[in-house]
Amino acid sequence: MRPRVKLTNATLISIKSDLEDKVEQVLYATFAEDNESGKKGEALFTTKIMEVNGLEYRTFGADFYTLDAEPKEFDVSVFEFNLMHECMYSPEELLEFRDMLPASY
């Protein structure tokens, strides 16, 4: 079993698709401490959330994360998520220019 990675400032991102009924969820957060995956304060997008147990999250890649608080929630389209992930935008950064984005892709 892999060690649990501690995260802070977490946001649970729900990715809504017009093509599928199910909604994928991932976490956007920062590392709470240095570890083999990253340095304290660096941003992270997890893979798809597979299981939640309180503040512990298991992802598709069998990684385990422990949050320091309940995550905020944020809904995005597939296009918005891809933009966020590619450019490493935080949810707050996406909100700043969301009105300028195309309505759909």
Protein backbone atom coordinates (compact mmCIF):
# COMPACT_ATOMS: atom_id res chain seq x y z
CA MET A 1 0.00 0.00 0.00
CA ARG A 2 1.31 3.43 -0.93
CA PRO A 3 1.83 6.04 1.78
CA ARG A 4 -0.89 8.63 2.26
CA VAL A 5 0.02 12.04 0.90
CA LYS A 6 -1.14 14.98 3.02
CA LEU A 7 -2.92 17.77 1.13
CA THR A 8 -4.16 21.22 2.07
CA ASN A 9 -6.44 23.84 0.45
CA ALA A 10 -8.31 21.10 -1.39
CA THR A 11 -11.13 21.56 -3.88
CA LEU A 12 -13.24 18.65 -5.08
CA ILE A 13 -13.76 19.27 -8.79
CA SER A 14 -16.79 17.69 -10.47
CA ILE A 15 -16.31 17.37 -14.22
CA LYS A 16 -19.64 17.43 -16.06
CA SER A 17 -19.90 16.12 -19.60
CA ASP A 18 -22.77 16.61 -22.03
CA LEU A 19 -21.99 13.16 -23.44
CA GLU A 20 -22.08 11.11 -20.23
CA ASP A 21 -24.45 10.86 -17.28
CA LYS A 22 -21.75 10.13 -14.73
CA VAL A 23 -19.71 12.94 -13.24
CA GLU A 24 -16.01 12.35 -12.71
CA GLN A 25 -14.41 13.94 -9.65
CA VAL A 26 -10.78 14.87 -8.96
CA LEU A 27 -9.03 16.89 -6.28
CA TYR A 28 -7.08 20.09 -6.80
CA ALA A 29 -4.90 20.82 -3.77
CA THR A 30 -1.43 21.71 -2.59
CA PHE A 31 1.01 19.42 -0.85
CA ALA A 32 0.99 20.00 2.92
CA GLU A 33 4.56 18.70 3.24
CA ASP A 34 7.43 17.49 1.08
CA ASN A 35 7.05 13.93 -0.20
CA GLU A 36 8.10 11.75 -3.12
CA SER A 37 5.30 13.21 -5.28
CA GLY A 38 6.05 16.90 -4.75
CA LYS A 39 7.23 19.69 -2.53
CA LYS A 40 5.24 21.53 0.14
CA GLY A 41 3.07 24.22 -1.48
CA GLU A 42 3.13 22.78 -5.01
CA ALA A 43 -0.22 22.31 -6.74
CA LEU A 44 -1.60 18.91 -7.68
CA PHE A 45 -4.48 17.51 -9.72
CA THR A 46 -5.26 13.94 -8.71
CA THR A 47 -6.61 11.23 -10.97
CA LYS A 48 -10.28 10.25 -10.69
CA ILE A 49 -11.58 9.77 -7.14
CA MET A 50 -12.56 6.15 -6.56
CA GLU A 51 -13.29 6.07 -2.81
CA VAL A 52 -13.85 8.56 -0.02
CA ASN A 53 -13.61 7.75 3.69
CA GLY A 54 -13.95 10.92 5.74
CA LEU A 55 -10.96 13.08 4.80
CA GLU A 56 -9.16 10.19 3.09
CA TYR A 57 -9.39 9.86 -0.68
CA ARG A 58 -8.26 7.00 -2.92
CA THR A 59 -7.77 7.72 -6.60
CA PHE A 60 -7.81 5.66 -9.78
CA GLY A 61 -4.02 5.31 -9.68
CA ALA A 62 -4.31 3.71 -6.20
CA ASP A 63 -2.88 6.81 -4.55
CA PHE A 64 -4.13 7.76 -1.10
CA TYR A 65 -4.55 11.35 0.04
CA THR A 66 -5.42 12.78 3.45
CA LEU A 67 -6.96 16.25 3.54
CA ASP A 68 -6.55 18.66 6.44
CA ALA A 69 -10.17 19.90 6.07
CA GLU A 70 -13.33 19.29 4.05
CA PRO A 71 -12.70 20.27 0.42
CA LYS A 72 -14.49 23.13 -1.31
CA GLU A 73 -16.63 22.05 -4.24
CA PHE A 74 -16.32 23.29 -7.81
CA ASP A 75 -18.22 22.24 -10.96
CA VAL A 76 -16.57 22.51 -14.37
CA SER A 77 -17.15 21.39 -17.93
CA VAL A 78 -14.74 18.99 -19.61
CA PHE A 79 -13.32 21.92 -21.62
CA GLU A 80 -12.77 23.98 -18.45
CA PHE A 81 -11.12 21.07 -16.67
CA ASN A 82 -8.79 20.38 -19.59
CA LEU A 83 -7.81 24.07 -19.61
CA MET A 84 -7.24 24.04 -15.86
CA HIS A 85 -5.16 20.88 -15.99
CA GLU A 86 -3.08 21.92 -19.01
CA CYS A 87 -2.27 25.37 -17.61
CA MET A 88 -2.31 24.34 -13.92
CA TYR A 89 -5.00 26.93 -13.18
CA SER A 90 -6.56 26.86 -9.74
CA PRO A 91 -10.35 27.01 -9.40
CA GLU A 92 -9.99 30.66 -8.35
CA GLU A 93 -7.97 31.48 -11.48
CA LEU A 94 -10.55 29.80 -13.70
CA LEU A 95 -13.33 31.83 -12.08
CA GLU A 96 -11.47 35.06 -12.91
CA PHE A 97 -11.83 34.53 -16.64
CA ARG A 98 -14.69 32.03 -16.90
CA ASP A 99 -16.99 34.61 -18.54
CA MET A 100 -14.49 35.04 -21.37
CA LEU A 101 -14.39 31.32 -22.21
CA PRO A 102 -16.41 29.90 -25.12
CA ALA A 103 -19.86 28.64 -24.11
CA SER A 104 -19.08 25.12 -25.30
CA TYR A 105 -16.59 22.96 -27.10
